[in-house]
Protein backbone atom coordinates (compact mmCIF):
# COMPACT_ATOMS: atom_id res chain seq x y z
CA MET A 1 -25.46 35.24 22.65
CA LYS A 2 -22.41 33.86 24.44
CA PHE A 3 -21.96 30.08 24.33
CA THR A 4 -18.78 28.59 25.85
CA ILE A 5 -17.52 25.02 25.51
CA ILE A 6 -14.56 23.78 27.54
CA VAL A 7 -13.01 20.41 26.71
CA LEU A 8 -11.33 18.71 29.66
CA ASP A 9 -9.01 16.78 27.39
CA SER A 10 -9.05 13.04 28.21
CA VAL A 11 -11.23 13.22 31.36
CA GLY A 12 -13.22 10.13 30.39
CA VAL A 13 -16.04 8.83 32.59
CA GLY A 14 -15.91 5.09 32.07
CA ALA A 15 -15.12 2.48 29.44
CA LEU A 16 -17.39 2.41 26.40
CA PRO A 17 -19.14 -0.89 25.63
CA ASP A 18 -16.62 -1.66 22.88
CA ALA A 19 -13.55 -0.55 24.88
CA ALA A 20 -12.10 -4.05 25.18
CA SER A 21 -11.47 -4.07 21.43
CA PHE A 22 -9.34 -0.91 21.61
CA GLY A 23 -5.74 -0.72 22.75
CA SER A 24 -3.18 -3.41 23.33
CA PRO A 25 -4.38 -6.60 25.07
CA PRO A 26 -6.39 -6.80 27.24
CA GLY A 27 -7.83 -3.60 25.74
CA ASP A 28 -9.46 -0.66 27.47
CA GLY A 29 -12.38 -2.50 29.10
CA GLY A 30 -12.42 -1.46 32.77
CA SER A 31 -10.63 1.84 32.25
CA HIS A 32 -12.15 4.85 34.00
CA THR A 33 -10.03 7.98 34.01
CA LEU A 34 -12.11 9.95 36.51
CA ASN A 35 -12.87 7.18 39.01
CA HIS A 36 -9.36 5.77 39.08
CA THR A 37 -7.76 9.20 39.45
CA LEU A 38 -10.04 10.16 42.32
CA ALA A 39 -9.61 6.80 44.03
CA ARG A 40 -5.83 7.08 43.82
CA THR A 41 -5.62 10.71 44.96
CA GLY A 42 -8.67 11.43 47.13
CA VAL A 43 -9.18 14.75 45.29
CA GLN A 44 -12.52 16.47 45.93
CA LEU A 45 -14.47 18.19 43.14
CA PRO A 46 -17.30 20.08 44.90
CA ASN A 47 -18.02 22.56 42.13
CA LEU A 48 -18.21 19.94 39.40
CA ALA A 49 -20.45 18.01 41.78
CA ARG A 50 -22.79 21.02 41.84
CA LEU A 51 -23.19 20.60 38.08
CA GLY A 52 -24.19 16.96 38.57
CA LEU A 53 -20.92 15.11 37.97
CA GLY A 54 -21.67 12.71 40.84
CA ARG A 55 -24.95 11.70 39.20
CA LEU A 56 -23.34 10.25 36.08
CA PRO A 57 -23.69 6.45 35.81
CA THR A 58 -20.59 4.63 37.09
CA VAL A 59 -18.98 7.80 38.50
CA GLN A 60 -17.71 7.18 42.00
CA GLY A 61 -15.82 9.38 44.44
CA VAL A 62 -17.93 12.47 43.67
CA PRO A 63 -20.63 12.79 46.35
CA ASP A 64 -24.03 13.96 45.12
CA ALA A 65 -24.11 17.69 45.87
CA GLY A 66 -27.84 17.59 46.60
CA ASP A 67 -28.40 21.13 45.32
CA VAL A 68 -27.36 20.43 41.71
CA THR A 69 -27.65 23.51 39.49
CA GLY A 70 -26.70 22.11 36.13
CA ALA A 71 -27.41 19.59 33.41
CA PHE A 72 -25.49 16.33 33.35
CA GLY A 73 -25.03 13.29 31.18
CA ARG A 74 -22.51 11.19 29.34
CA MET A 75 -21.89 10.67 25.63
CA LEU A 76 -21.21 7.69 23.41
CA GLU A 77 -18.54 8.10 20.76
CA VAL A 78 -19.74 6.41 17.58
CA SER A 79 -16.60 7.12 15.53
CA PRO A 80 -14.05 4.28 15.67
CA GLY A 81 -11.25 5.89 17.62
CA LYS A 82 -10.07 7.28 20.92
CA ASP A 83 -7.93 10.20 19.84
CA THR A 84 -8.22 13.98 19.92
CA SER A 85 -9.17 14.50 16.29
CA THR A 86 -11.80 11.75 16.25
CA GLY A 87 -13.49 13.07 19.38
CA HIS A 88 -13.37 16.76 18.49
CA TRP A 89 -14.52 16.22 14.91
CA GLU A 90 -17.50 14.23 16.21
CA PHE A 91 -18.35 17.05 18.68
CA MET A 92 -18.86 19.32 15.69
CA GLY A 93 -20.80 16.89 13.56
CA VAL A 94 -18.27 14.71 11.73
CA GLN A 95 -18.81 11.02 12.47
CA LEU A 96 -16.07 8.86 11.02
CA THR A 97 -16.97 5.52 9.47
CA HIS A 98 -13.35 4.36 9.33
CA PRO A 99 -10.59 5.09 11.82
CA PHE A 100 -7.72 7.35 11.00
CA GLN A 101 -4.65 5.51 9.71
CA VAL A 102 -2.16 4.35 12.34
CA PHE A 103 1.37 3.01 11.91
CA PRO A 104 2.19 0.57 14.73
CA ASP A 105 5.40 -0.50 12.95
CA GLY A 106 6.52 3.02 12.07
CA PHE A 107 6.18 4.84 8.77
CA PRO A 108 7.10 3.06 5.50
CA PRO A 109 10.10 3.97 3.33
CA ALA A 110 7.90 5.86 0.85
CA VAL A 111 7.00 8.31 3.61
CA MET A 112 10.41 8.55 5.25
CA ASP A 113 12.33 8.90 1.96
CA ALA A 114 10.09 11.80 0.99
CA PHE A 115 10.51 13.33 4.45
CA ASN A 116 14.32 13.04 4.22
CA ALA A 117 14.22 14.77 0.85
CA ALA A 118 12.13 17.59 2.32
CA THR A 119 14.41 18.13 5.34
CA GLY A 120 17.77 17.35 3.76
CA ARG A 121 18.54 15.15 6.75
CA GLY A 122 18.03 11.64 8.07
CA PHE A 123 15.75 10.71 10.94
CA LEU A 124 15.85 8.93 14.29
CA CYS A 125 13.47 6.39 15.83
CA ASN A 126 10.41 6.04 13.52
CA ARG A 127 8.33 3.81 15.76
CA PRO A 128 5.69 4.15 18.48
CA TYR A 129 7.16 5.76 21.57
CA SER A 130 6.28 7.76 24.65
CA GLY A 131 6.93 11.44 24.01
CA THR A 132 9.03 11.92 27.13
CA ASP A 133 10.92 8.64 26.70
CA VAL A 134 11.77 9.32 23.06
CA ILE A 135 13.63 12.54 23.79
CA ARG A 136 15.45 10.86 26.67
CA ASP A 137 16.51 7.93 24.52
CA PHE A 138 17.22 9.70 21.22
CA GLY A 139 17.97 13.24 22.41
CA PRO A 140 21.75 12.80 22.69
CA GLU A 141 22.03 11.40 19.16
CA HIS A 142 19.80 14.21 17.88
CA LEU A 143 22.16 16.76 19.47
CA ARG A 144 25.10 15.08 17.72
CA THR A 145 23.54 14.64 14.26
CA GLY A 146 20.79 17.25 14.01
CA ASP A 147 18.48 14.58 12.59
CA PRO A 148 14.86 14.98 13.71
CA ILE A 149 13.28 12.42 16.02
CA VAL A 150 10.20 10.96 14.30
CA TYR A 151 7.76 8.85 16.28
CA THR A 152 4.11 7.88 16.49
CA SER A 153 1.74 6.33 19.03
CA ALA A 154 -1.47 4.32 19.10
CA ASP A 155 -3.08 7.48 17.69
CA SER A 156 -2.97 8.66 14.10
CA VAL A 157 -0.02 11.02 14.52
CA PHE A 158 3.35 11.78 12.95
CA GLN A 159 5.37 13.55 15.64
CA ILE A 160 8.65 15.37 15.08
CA ALA A 161 10.82 16.24 18.07
CA ALA A 162 13.79 18.60 17.81
CA HIS A 163 15.87 20.52 20.34
CA VAL A 164 15.30 24.27 20.19
CA ASP A 165 19.07 24.93 20.21
CA VAL A 166 19.68 22.54 17.31
CA VAL A 167 16.72 23.14 15.02
CA PRO A 168 15.09 26.59 15.01
CA VAL A 169 11.41 26.31 15.82
CA GLU A 170 10.38 27.84 12.49
CA THR A 171 12.45 25.20 10.70
CA LEU A 172 10.71 22.48 12.70
CA TYR A 173 7.37 23.97 11.68
CA GLU A 174 8.49 23.93 8.03
CA TRP A 175 9.36 20.25 8.37
CA CYS A 176 5.91 19.60 9.82
CA ARG A 177 4.21 21.39 6.96
CA ALA A 178 6.25 19.28 4.52
CA ALA A 179 5.23 16.11 6.39
CA ARG A 180 1.60 17.20 6.28
CA GLU A 181 1.81 17.39 2.48
CA ILE A 182 3.41 13.94 2.31
CA LEU A 183 0.94 12.28 4.69
CA GLN A 184 -2.12 12.29 2.46
CA GLY A 185 -4.12 9.59 0.74
CA GLU A 186 -3.06 6.09 1.76
CA TYR A 187 -0.60 7.55 4.27
CA ALA A 188 -2.93 10.17 5.75
CA VAL A 189 -2.65 10.68 9.49
CA ALA A 190 -4.97 12.86 11.54
CA ARG A 191 -2.22 15.15 12.84
CA VAL A 192 1.41 16.05 12.32
CA ILE A 193 2.73 17.45 15.60
CA ALA A 194 5.78 19.65 16.21
CA ARG A 195 7.37 18.63 19.53
CA PRO A 196 10.19 21.06 20.40
CA PHE A 197 12.24 20.26 23.50
CA ARG A 198 15.02 21.88 25.47
CA GLY A 199 17.56 21.18 28.21
CA SER A 200 20.45 18.76 28.56
CA ALA A 201 20.66 14.97 28.82
CA PRO A 202 19.28 13.23 30.75
CA ASP A 203 16.91 16.02 31.81
CA PHE A 204 15.41 17.06 28.48
CA GLU A 205 11.95 18.56 28.75
CA ARG A 206 9.27 19.35 26.22
CA ALA A 207 8.74 22.98 25.26
CA GLY A 208 4.99 22.55 25.39
CA GLU A 209 4.23 26.19 24.69
CA LEU A 210 5.89 25.81 21.27
CA ARG A 211 3.95 22.70 20.25
CA HIS A 212 2.00 23.04 17.02
CA ASP A 213 -0.44 20.62 15.39
CA TYR A 214 -1.09 20.29 11.66
CA SER A 215 -4.42 18.55 11.12
CA LEU A 216 -6.15 17.03 8.16
CA THR A 217 -8.87 19.36 6.90
CA PRO A 218 -12.25 18.15 8.17
CA PRO A 219 -15.45 18.12 6.14
CA PRO A 220 -17.87 21.00 6.88
CA THR A 221 -18.61 21.24 10.61
CA VAL A 222 -20.89 23.16 12.95
CA LEU A 223 -18.03 25.65 13.27
CA THR A 224 -18.16 26.51 9.57
CA ALA A 225 -21.96 26.68 9.81
CA LEU A 226 -21.65 29.19 12.67
CA ARG A 227 -19.34 31.38 10.62
CA ALA A 228 -21.72 31.19 7.66
CA ALA A 229 -24.44 32.43 10.02
CA GLY A 230 -22.27 35.41 10.96
CA ARG A 231 -21.42 34.22 14.46
CA ASP A 232 -18.07 34.66 16.19
CA VAL A 233 -16.10 31.45 16.71
CA VAL A 234 -13.18 31.86 19.11
CA GLY A 235 -10.78 28.91 19.40
CA ILE A 236 -8.62 28.79 22.53
CA GLY A 237 -5.70 26.40 22.97
CA LYS A 238 -5.18 23.68 20.37
CA ILE A 239 -8.80 23.82 19.18
CA PRO A 240 -8.07 25.67 15.89
CA ASP A 241 -5.26 23.22 15.04
CA ILE A 242 -7.60 20.23 15.42
CA TYR A 243 -9.96 21.62 12.77
CA ASP A 244 -7.17 22.86 10.49
CA HIS A 245 -8.18 26.44 11.34
CA GLN A 246 -11.49 26.05 9.49
CA GLY A 247 -14.42 28.08 10.82
CA PHE A 248 -12.69 30.41 13.28
CA SER A 249 -12.94 34.17 13.58
CA GLU A 250 -10.27 34.34 16.28
CA GLU A 251 -7.51 32.02 17.55
CA ILE A 252 -5.88 32.34 20.98
CA HIS A 253 -2.74 30.39 21.92
CA THR A 254 -2.32 29.03 25.46
CA ASP A 255 0.68 27.76 27.39
CA ASP A 256 -1.03 25.43 29.88
CA ASN A 257 -4.32 24.83 31.70
CA PRO A 258 -4.12 27.88 34.00
CA ASP A 259 -3.35 30.10 31.01
CA GLY A 260 -6.22 28.53 29.08
CA ILE A 261 -8.64 29.17 31.94
CA ARG A 262 -7.48 32.78 32.29
CA LYS A 263 -7.83 33.48 28.58
CA THR A 264 -11.22 31.79 28.45
CA LEU A 265 -12.45 33.95 31.32
CA THR A 266 -11.12 37.09 29.66
CA ARG A 267 -12.90 36.25 26.41
CA MET A 268 -16.13 35.28 28.18
CA ARG A 269 -16.16 38.64 29.93
CA SER A 270 -15.61 40.60 26.73
CA ASP A 271 -17.93 41.23 23.80
CA PHE A 272 -18.64 38.41 21.37
CA ASP A 273 -21.69 36.91 19.73
CA GLY A 274 -21.25 33.21 19.19
CA LEU A 275 -18.97 30.47 20.51
CA VAL A 276 -15.86 30.35 22.67
CA PHE A 277 -14.35 26.87 22.31
CA THR A 278 -11.46 25.91 24.63
CA ASN A 279 -9.32 22.81 25.05
CA LEU A 280 -7.44 22.29 28.33
CA VAL A 281 -4.77 19.81 27.26
CA ASP A 282 -2.66 19.33 30.40
CA PHE A 283 -4.84 16.49 31.75
CA ASP A 284 -3.90 14.47 28.67
CA ALA A 285 -0.45 15.65 27.64
CA LYS A 286 1.18 16.18 31.02
CA TYR A 287 -0.48 13.60 33.24
CA GLY A 288 -2.47 10.97 31.35
CA HIS A 289 0.22 9.86 28.91
CA ARG A 290 2.82 10.05 31.66
CA ARG A 291 0.67 7.90 33.95
CA ASP A 292 0.78 10.49 36.73
CA PRO A 293 -2.40 10.19 38.83
CA ALA A 294 -1.22 12.77 41.36
CA GLY A 295 -0.64 15.39 38.67
CA TYR A 296 -3.92 14.50 36.99
CA GLY A 297 -5.81 14.86 40.26
CA ALA A 298 -4.19 18.20 41.03
CA ALA A 299 -5.17 19.49 37.57
CA LEU A 300 -8.76 18.40 38.16
CA ALA A 301 -8.80 20.18 41.53
CA ALA A 302 -7.40 23.34 39.95
CA PHE A 303 -10.12 23.36 37.29
CA ASP A 304 -12.77 22.73 39.93
CA ALA A 305 -11.49 25.71 41.93
CA ALA A 306 -11.77 27.92 38.83
CA LEU A 307 -15.27 26.74 37.95
CA PRO A 308 -17.21 29.29 40.07
CA ASP A 309 -15.52 32.16 38.19
CA LEU A 310 -16.35 30.51 34.85
CA MET A 311 -19.97 30.05 35.90
CA ALA A 312 -20.19 33.66 37.08
CA ALA A 313 -19.05 34.82 33.64
CA VAL A 314 -22.04 33.18 31.93
CA PRO A 315 -24.71 35.82 31.12
CA ASP A 316 -28.41 35.16 31.67
CA ASP A 317 -28.91 34.25 28.01
CA GLY A 318 -25.61 32.33 27.71
CA ALA A 319 -24.41 28.81 28.39
CA LEU A 320 -21.33 26.94 29.56
CA VAL A 321 -20.82 23.33 28.47
CA ILE A 322 -18.01 21.12 29.84
CA ILE A 323 -17.13 17.97 27.89
CA SER A 324 -14.36 15.41 27.39
CA ASP A 325 -13.14 13.82 24.17
CA HIS A 326 -11.78 10.41 25.27
CA GLY A 327 -10.03 8.89 28.26
CA ASN A 328 -6.41 8.67 29.33
CA ASP A 329 -6.58 6.70 32.54
CA PRO A 330 -3.34 7.47 34.42
CA THR A 331 -3.60 4.15 36.28
CA TRP A 332 -4.00 2.04 33.13
CA HIS A 333 -1.38 -0.10 31.38
CA GLY A 334 0.64 1.49 28.58
CA SER A 335 0.72 5.21 27.87
CA ASP A 336 -2.06 5.67 25.30
CA HIS A 337 -5.59 7.04 25.39
CA THR A 338 -8.43 4.88 26.69
CA ARG A 339 -11.78 4.37 24.93
CA GLU A 340 -14.30 5.99 27.30
CA TYR A 341 -17.58 7.86 27.52
CA GLY A 342 -17.41 11.62 27.14
CA MET A 343 -18.40 13.81 30.08
CA LEU A 344 -21.28 16.24 29.52
CA LEU A 345 -22.07 19.02 32.00
CA ALA A 346 -23.94 22.25 31.24
CA TYR A 347 -24.73 25.42 33.16
CA ARG A 348 -27.07 28.35 32.62
CA PRO A 349 -28.03 30.89 35.29
CA GLY A 350 -31.15 29.73 37.10
CA LEU A 351 -30.99 26.19 35.72
CA GLY A 352 -31.95 23.43 38.11
CA ALA A 353 -30.91 19.78 37.99
CA VAL A 354 -31.46 18.39 34.47
CA ASP A 355 -30.61 14.81 33.56
CA LEU A 356 -29.46 14.76 29.93
CA GLY A 357 -29.10 11.00 30.04
CA GLU A 358 -26.86 8.98 27.77
CA ARG A 359 -26.38 10.79 24.46
CA ALA A 360 -26.11 8.62 21.37
CA THR A 361 -23.19 10.60 19.90
CA PHE A 362 -20.70 13.34 20.71
CA ALA A 363 -22.35 15.21 17.81
CA ASP A 364 -25.21 16.21 20.11
CA VAL A 365 -22.89 18.96 21.35
CA GLY A 366 -22.57 20.53 17.92
CA ALA A 367 -26.28 20.19 17.21
CA THR A 368 -27.01 22.01 20.46
CA VAL A 369 -24.62 24.86 19.66
CA ALA A 370 -26.10 25.21 16.19
CA GLU A 371 -29.65 25.46 17.52
CA ALA A 372 -28.69 27.87 20.31
CA LEU A 373 -26.86 30.20 17.94
CA GLY A 374 -29.25 29.95 15.01
CA ALA A 375 -26.94 28.23 12.54
CA ALA A 376 -28.27 25.98 9.80
CA TRP A 377 -27.11 22.42 10.47
CA ASP A 378 -28.57 19.25 9.01
CA GLY A 379 -25.78 16.91 10.03
CA PRO A 380 -25.79 14.27 12.77
CA GLY A 381 -26.62 14.93 16.39
CA THR A 382 -29.70 15.70 18.46
CA SER A 383 -29.82 19.05 20.23
CA PHE A 384 -30.45 19.20 23.97
CA TRP A 385 -30.87 22.97 23.89
CA GLY A 386 -34.57 22.68 24.75
CA GLN A 387 -33.68 20.90 27.98
CA LEU A 388 -31.54 23.86 29.05
CA GLN A 389 -34.36 26.40 28.84
């Protein structure tokens, strides 16, 4: 059986009930990535509307298609966070009881001294910063000294930026692996991220295709259960990084959303028996954090235009599920993620309109995959596979 999941990274569908307690004051209450992007841009999403997007509570700007041929709902995130790792881990059955560690004042001397010893250099910045602003502001000094730029955000991340002409990419990756070893226990962060950049001041730009994430190792997930059941698990984009490469039979790198869509289509059309799991990160990395509604809207329109081909690639006994892991409202204050409901849309050939309602946890996705593919899973989540028959 062919089961495909595509994560529209950060395409949240409205503030969660506890959103006001997340983020800097006044919090994330009132954020709505989808509504605010569509209101600002006027982008139309007719194919997502056919799957029932316009029927989600609070979603505006997506007219009801009338002839809906999909299942639709929204998901509560029970884990205390609004970051990539928290959302993705919960999708596959790991509900956190405590948030990942964050460092709003930068990393302490115990961490940075150990990092300096590992790199043989000093460091620049070491505080929360926008990823594009930090290379603008510290890039010239990095070119002069060769010291890596270390920064964090409201998420549980240790990010290392280095110019590709100053620090070879493999050296940057070695530094990230060293940081991953340091950032354990009381200093554990969800991800260490390599952020190569190129160009000249003041026009530095990220080399996004060279980004690499080093995640904490999650507890057993639905992905490892699928592999134990002998199923294929194909991770496309940054998906394998998020789960520390646990539970995958194949990993496929992508450069951007269009590349991710192309490679997902290619894999859907080829032989496999199990799960294709894709993350399309541009919504978040290129447009949400940069507070670029126009770019965000254009990326949504491009995915919507590709959706008919993705639906056509689903076999009669297969399924396509489209979800989101958090919000990143490009009209909101600051530059961080927003605490929002996850989108849930599903398609199978011949399926009519099915209201999946409000799911109690992101883990319902993993429970559904496990049931559909015959994997033993006794973790959290309630399958909606029966509603897709």
